[in-house]
Amino acid sequence: MNNFKQKEYTSRSGKQYTFQFPGVRAAAQISDRVKNKFGVPLEEKLAEEMMKNVIVDPKISWDYFGSDKKEFNDVIAASFRFLEGEDEESANADNQE
């Protein structure tokens, strides 16, 4: 049984996705794998990792997005923010106001 947290995400176009945190070590490994030698995340590697390890429902691939680059950018960026814990920081800030 997997006890890693999940998050439901609705894209700007209204499509539903479920993100699942793969664990701290896996998140660190993913973060390392997606960067070039200068520490800059590479879009293709980042998307591959998010589709394989973070976006669990629906299971998607490159073909899923077709020519919809806006949906691709939205979902991949949101899943990476979730992986890095950045979405929690903004939620905590909102709850403290």
N, C-alpha and C. Protein backbone atom coordinates (compact mmCIF):
# COMPACT_ATOMS: atom_id res chain seq x y z
N MET A 1 0.84 -1.19 0.00
CA MET A 1 0.00 0.00 0.00
C MET A 1 0.88 1.24 0.00
N ASN A 2 0.54 2.17 -0.84
CA ASN A 2 1.33 3.39 -0.96
C ASN A 2 0.69 4.50 -0.13
N ASN A 3 1.46 5.07 0.77
CA ASN A 3 0.94 6.12 1.65
C ASN A 3 1.40 7.50 1.26
N PHE A 4 1.93 7.66 0.05
CA PHE A 4 2.38 8.97 -0.37
C PHE A 4 1.19 9.85 -0.69
N LYS A 5 1.31 11.12 -0.39
CA LYS A 5 0.18 12.02 -0.59
C LYS A 5 -0.14 12.22 -2.05
N GLN A 6 -1.40 12.53 -2.26
CA GLN A 6 -1.88 12.81 -3.61
C GLN A 6 -2.57 14.17 -3.61
N LYS A 7 -2.68 14.72 -4.80
CA LYS A 7 -3.37 16.01 -4.98
C LYS A 7 -4.16 15.96 -6.27
N GLU A 8 -5.39 16.41 -6.18
CA GLU A 8 -6.21 16.55 -7.38
C GLU A 8 -5.91 17.93 -7.97
N TYR A 9 -5.72 17.98 -9.26
CA TYR A 9 -5.40 19.23 -9.94
C TYR A 9 -6.34 19.42 -11.12
N THR A 10 -6.91 20.60 -11.23
CA THR A 10 -7.74 20.95 -12.37
C THR A 10 -6.97 21.97 -13.20
N SER A 11 -6.70 21.61 -14.44
CA SER A 11 -5.95 22.51 -15.32
C SER A 11 -6.82 23.70 -15.71
N ARG A 12 -6.20 24.68 -16.31
CA ARG A 12 -6.93 25.88 -16.75
C ARG A 12 -8.02 25.54 -17.76
N SER A 13 -7.85 24.44 -18.48
CA SER A 13 -8.85 24.02 -19.46
C SER A 13 -9.97 23.20 -18.82
N GLY A 14 -9.84 22.90 -17.53
CA GLY A 14 -10.87 22.17 -16.81
C GLY A 14 -10.66 20.67 -16.72
N LYS A 15 -9.54 20.16 -17.21
CA LYS A 15 -9.27 18.72 -17.14
C LYS A 15 -8.73 18.37 -15.75
N GLN A 16 -9.11 17.18 -15.28
CA GLN A 16 -8.71 16.71 -13.95
C GLN A 16 -7.49 15.81 -14.02
N TYR A 17 -6.59 15.98 -13.07
CA TYR A 17 -5.38 15.15 -12.96
C TYR A 17 -5.16 14.81 -11.50
N THR A 18 -4.54 13.67 -11.25
CA THR A 18 -4.13 13.31 -9.91
C THR A 18 -2.61 13.22 -9.90
N PHE A 19 -2.01 13.97 -8.98
CA PHE A 19 -0.56 13.93 -8.78
C PHE A 19 -0.29 13.10 -7.53
N GLN A 20 0.80 12.35 -7.54
CA GLN A 20 1.19 11.58 -6.37
C GLN A 20 2.66 11.82 -6.08
N PHE A 21 2.95 12.14 -4.82
CA PHE A 21 4.33 12.37 -4.40
C PHE A 21 5.06 11.03 -4.32
N PRO A 22 6.21 10.90 -4.98
CA PRO A 22 6.91 9.61 -5.02
C PRO A 22 7.83 9.34 -3.83
N GLY A 23 7.90 10.26 -2.89
CA GLY A 23 8.81 10.13 -1.75
C GLY A 23 9.96 11.11 -1.89
N VAL A 24 10.57 11.44 -0.77
CA VAL A 24 11.62 12.47 -0.75
C VAL A 24 12.84 12.05 -1.57
N ARG A 25 13.28 10.82 -1.40
CA ARG A 25 14.48 10.39 -2.15
C ARG A 25 14.19 10.36 -3.64
N ALA A 26 13.05 9.80 -4.05
CA ALA A 26 12.70 9.76 -5.47
C ALA A 26 12.56 11.16 -6.03
N ALA A 27 11.99 12.08 -5.24
CA ALA A 27 11.84 13.46 -5.70
C ALA A 27 13.21 14.11 -5.92
N ALA A 28 14.14 13.84 -5.02
CA ALA A 28 15.50 14.38 -5.18
C ALA A 28 16.18 13.79 -6.41
N GLN A 29 15.99 12.50 -6.63
CA GLN A 29 16.59 11.85 -7.80
C GLN A 29 16.00 12.41 -9.10
N ILE A 30 14.69 12.61 -9.11
CA ILE A 30 14.04 13.19 -10.29
C ILE A 30 14.59 14.58 -10.55
N SER A 31 14.67 15.38 -9.49
CA SER A 31 15.18 16.74 -9.63
C SER A 31 16.59 16.75 -10.21
N ASP A 32 17.41 15.82 -9.78
CA ASP A 32 18.78 15.71 -10.31
C ASP A 32 18.78 15.28 -11.78
N ARG A 33 17.94 14.32 -12.12
CA ARG A 33 17.94 13.77 -13.48
C ARG A 33 17.48 14.76 -14.54
N VAL A 34 16.63 15.71 -14.17
CA VAL A 34 16.05 16.59 -15.19
C VAL A 34 16.93 17.79 -15.51
N LYS A 35 18.02 17.97 -14.80
CA LYS A 35 18.85 19.17 -14.99
C LYS A 35 20.03 18.92 -15.91
N ASN A 36 20.41 19.99 -16.62
CA ASN A 36 21.62 19.91 -17.45
C ASN A 36 22.85 20.16 -16.56
N LYS A 37 24.02 20.22 -17.14
CA LYS A 37 25.25 20.37 -16.35
C LYS A 37 25.34 21.71 -15.62
N PHE A 38 24.48 22.66 -16.00
CA PHE A 38 24.47 23.97 -15.34
C PHE A 38 23.37 24.07 -14.29
N GLY A 39 22.64 22.98 -14.07
CA GLY A 39 21.59 22.97 -13.07
C GLY A 39 20.25 23.49 -13.56
N VAL A 40 20.11 23.64 -14.86
CA VAL A 40 18.86 24.16 -15.44
C VAL A 40 17.99 22.98 -15.87
N PRO A 41 16.72 22.95 -15.38
CA PRO A 41 15.84 21.86 -15.80
C PRO A 41 15.60 21.87 -17.31
N LEU A 42 15.63 20.69 -17.91
CA LEU A 42 15.37 20.53 -19.33
C LEU A 42 13.93 20.11 -19.52
N GLU A 43 13.20 20.81 -20.38
CA GLU A 43 11.77 20.61 -20.54
C GLU A 43 11.40 19.17 -20.88
N GLU A 44 12.09 18.57 -21.83
CA GLU A 44 11.73 17.21 -22.25
C GLU A 44 11.95 16.20 -21.12
N LYS A 45 13.09 16.29 -20.45
CA LYS A 45 13.37 15.37 -19.35
C LYS A 45 12.39 15.58 -18.20
N LEU A 46 12.10 16.85 -17.91
CA LEU A 46 11.15 17.16 -16.84
C LEU A 46 9.78 16.55 -17.14
N ALA A 47 9.29 16.75 -18.36
CA ALA A 47 7.98 16.23 -18.74
C ALA A 47 7.97 14.71 -18.65
N GLU A 48 9.02 14.06 -19.14
CA GLU A 48 9.10 12.59 -19.07
C GLU A 48 8.98 12.10 -17.63
N GLU A 49 9.71 12.73 -16.73
CA GLU A 49 9.69 12.32 -15.33
C GLU A 49 8.33 12.57 -14.69
N MET A 50 7.70 13.70 -15.00
CA MET A 50 6.39 14.01 -14.42
C MET A 50 5.34 13.00 -14.91
N MET A 51 5.36 12.70 -16.21
CA MET A 51 4.39 11.76 -16.76
C MET A 51 4.62 10.35 -16.21
N LYS A 52 5.86 9.99 -15.97
CA LYS A 52 6.18 8.64 -15.50
C LYS A 52 5.97 8.48 -14.00
N ASN A 53 6.32 9.50 -13.20
CA ASN A 53 6.41 9.34 -11.75
C ASN A 53 5.46 10.17 -10.90
N VAL A 54 4.86 11.20 -11.44
CA VAL A 54 4.06 12.10 -10.60
C VAL A 54 2.59 12.14 -11.03
N ILE A 55 2.33 12.25 -12.32
CA ILE A 55 0.95 12.31 -12.81
C ILE A 55 0.45 10.86 -12.90
N VAL A 56 -0.42 10.47 -11.97
CA VAL A 56 -0.85 9.07 -11.90
C VAL A 56 -2.22 8.82 -12.50
N ASP A 57 -3.02 9.87 -12.66
CA ASP A 57 -4.34 9.69 -13.27
C ASP A 57 -4.76 10.98 -13.95
N PRO A 58 -5.05 10.92 -15.23
CA PRO A 58 -4.90 9.76 -16.10
C PRO A 58 -3.42 9.53 -16.42
N LYS A 59 -3.08 8.29 -16.76
CA LYS A 59 -1.72 8.01 -17.21
C LYS A 59 -1.59 8.63 -18.59
N ILE A 60 -0.66 9.55 -18.74
CA ILE A 60 -0.54 10.29 -19.99
C ILE A 60 0.82 10.09 -20.63
N SER A 61 0.88 10.42 -21.90
CA SER A 61 2.12 10.38 -22.66
C SER A 61 2.16 11.63 -23.53
N TRP A 62 3.17 11.74 -24.34
CA TRP A 62 3.30 12.90 -25.22
C TRP A 62 2.08 13.03 -26.13
N ASP A 63 1.57 11.91 -26.61
CA ASP A 63 0.43 11.94 -27.53
C ASP A 63 -0.83 12.52 -26.89
N TYR A 64 -0.95 12.43 -25.58
CA TYR A 64 -2.12 12.92 -24.88
C TYR A 64 -2.38 14.40 -25.17
N PHE A 65 -1.31 15.17 -25.26
CA PHE A 65 -1.44 16.62 -25.42
C PHE A 65 -1.66 17.06 -26.87
N GLY A 66 -1.34 16.19 -27.82
CA GLY A 66 -1.50 16.56 -29.22
C GLY A 66 -0.72 17.83 -29.53
N SER A 67 -1.43 18.88 -29.96
CA SER A 67 -0.78 20.16 -30.25
C SER A 67 -1.11 21.21 -29.20
N ASP A 68 -1.65 20.79 -28.06
CA ASP A 68 -2.07 21.72 -27.00
C ASP A 68 -0.92 22.02 -26.05
N LYS A 69 -0.02 22.91 -26.47
CA LYS A 69 1.17 23.25 -25.69
C LYS A 69 0.79 23.97 -24.38
N LYS A 70 -0.31 24.73 -24.39
CA LYS A 70 -0.72 25.42 -23.17
C LYS A 70 -1.10 24.42 -22.08
N GLU A 71 -1.87 23.39 -22.45
CA GLU A 71 -2.25 22.36 -21.48
C GLU A 71 -1.00 21.62 -20.99
N PHE A 72 -0.12 21.30 -21.91
CA PHE A 72 1.14 20.64 -21.56
C PHE A 72 1.92 21.48 -20.55
N ASN A 73 2.13 22.75 -20.86
CA ASN A 73 2.89 23.63 -19.96
C ASN A 73 2.23 23.72 -18.59
N ASP A 74 0.92 23.88 -18.57
CA ASP A 74 0.16 24.02 -17.32
C ASP A 74 0.33 22.78 -16.45
N VAL A 75 0.08 21.61 -17.01
CA VAL A 75 0.09 20.37 -16.23
C VAL A 75 1.49 19.98 -15.79
N ILE A 76 2.46 20.09 -16.67
CA ILE A 76 3.84 19.72 -16.30
C ILE A 76 4.37 20.68 -15.24
N ALA A 77 4.13 21.97 -15.39
CA ALA A 77 4.59 22.94 -14.39
C ALA A 77 3.92 22.70 -13.04
N ALA A 78 2.61 22.45 -13.04
CA ALA A 78 1.89 22.21 -11.79
C ALA A 78 2.39 20.95 -11.10
N SER A 79 2.64 19.90 -11.88
CA SER A 79 3.12 18.65 -11.28
C SER A 79 4.53 18.83 -10.71
N PHE A 80 5.36 19.63 -11.36
CA PHE A 80 6.71 19.88 -10.83
C PHE A 80 6.64 20.72 -9.56
N ARG A 81 5.76 21.72 -9.52
CA ARG A 81 5.59 22.50 -8.28
C ARG A 81 5.14 21.59 -7.14
N PHE A 82 4.24 20.66 -7.44
CA PHE A 82 3.78 19.70 -6.44
C PHE A 82 4.95 18.84 -5.96
N LEU A 83 5.75 18.32 -6.88
CA LEU A 83 6.90 17.50 -6.53
C LEU A 83 7.87 18.25 -5.62
N GLU A 84 8.08 19.52 -5.91
CA GLU A 84 9.03 20.33 -5.14
C GLU A 84 8.43 20.89 -3.85
N GLY A 85 7.14 20.66 -3.62
CA GLY A 85 6.49 21.16 -2.40
C GLY A 85 6.12 22.61 -2.46
N GLU A 86 6.24 23.24 -3.61
CA GLU A 86 5.95 24.67 -3.73
C GLU A 86 4.47 24.97 -3.62
N ASP A 87 3.59 24.05 -4.01
CA ASP A 87 2.16 24.30 -3.91
C ASP A 87 1.72 24.36 -2.45
N GLU A 88 2.41 23.62 -1.55
CA GLU A 88 2.08 23.66 -0.13
C GLU A 88 2.43 25.01 0.48
N GLU A 89 3.54 25.59 0.05
CA GLU A 89 3.96 26.88 0.58
C GLU A 89 2.92 27.94 0.29
N SER A 90 2.39 27.97 -0.93
CA SER A 90 1.39 28.98 -1.27
C SER A 90 0.08 28.70 -0.54
N ALA A 91 -0.27 27.42 -0.35
CA ALA A 91 -1.48 27.08 0.39
C ALA A 91 -1.35 27.48 1.85
N ASN A 92 -0.17 27.25 2.44
CA ASN A 92 0.05 27.66 3.83
C ASN A 92 0.00 29.16 3.98
N ALA A 93 0.53 29.90 3.03
CA ALA A 93 0.49 31.36 3.07
C ALA A 93 -0.96 31.85 2.98
N ASP A 94 -1.75 31.21 2.13
CA ASP A 94 -3.15 31.59 1.99
C ASP A 94 -3.92 31.32 3.28
N ASN A 95 -3.60 30.24 3.99
CA ASN A 95 -4.31 29.88 5.21
C ASN A 95 -3.93 30.79 6.38
N GLN A 96 -2.79 31.45 6.32
CA GLN A 96 -2.35 32.30 7.40
C GLN A 96 -2.88 33.70 7.30
N GLU A 97 -3.50 34.05 6.19
CA GLU A 97 -4.01 35.42 6.02
C GLU A 97 -5.36 35.57 6.67
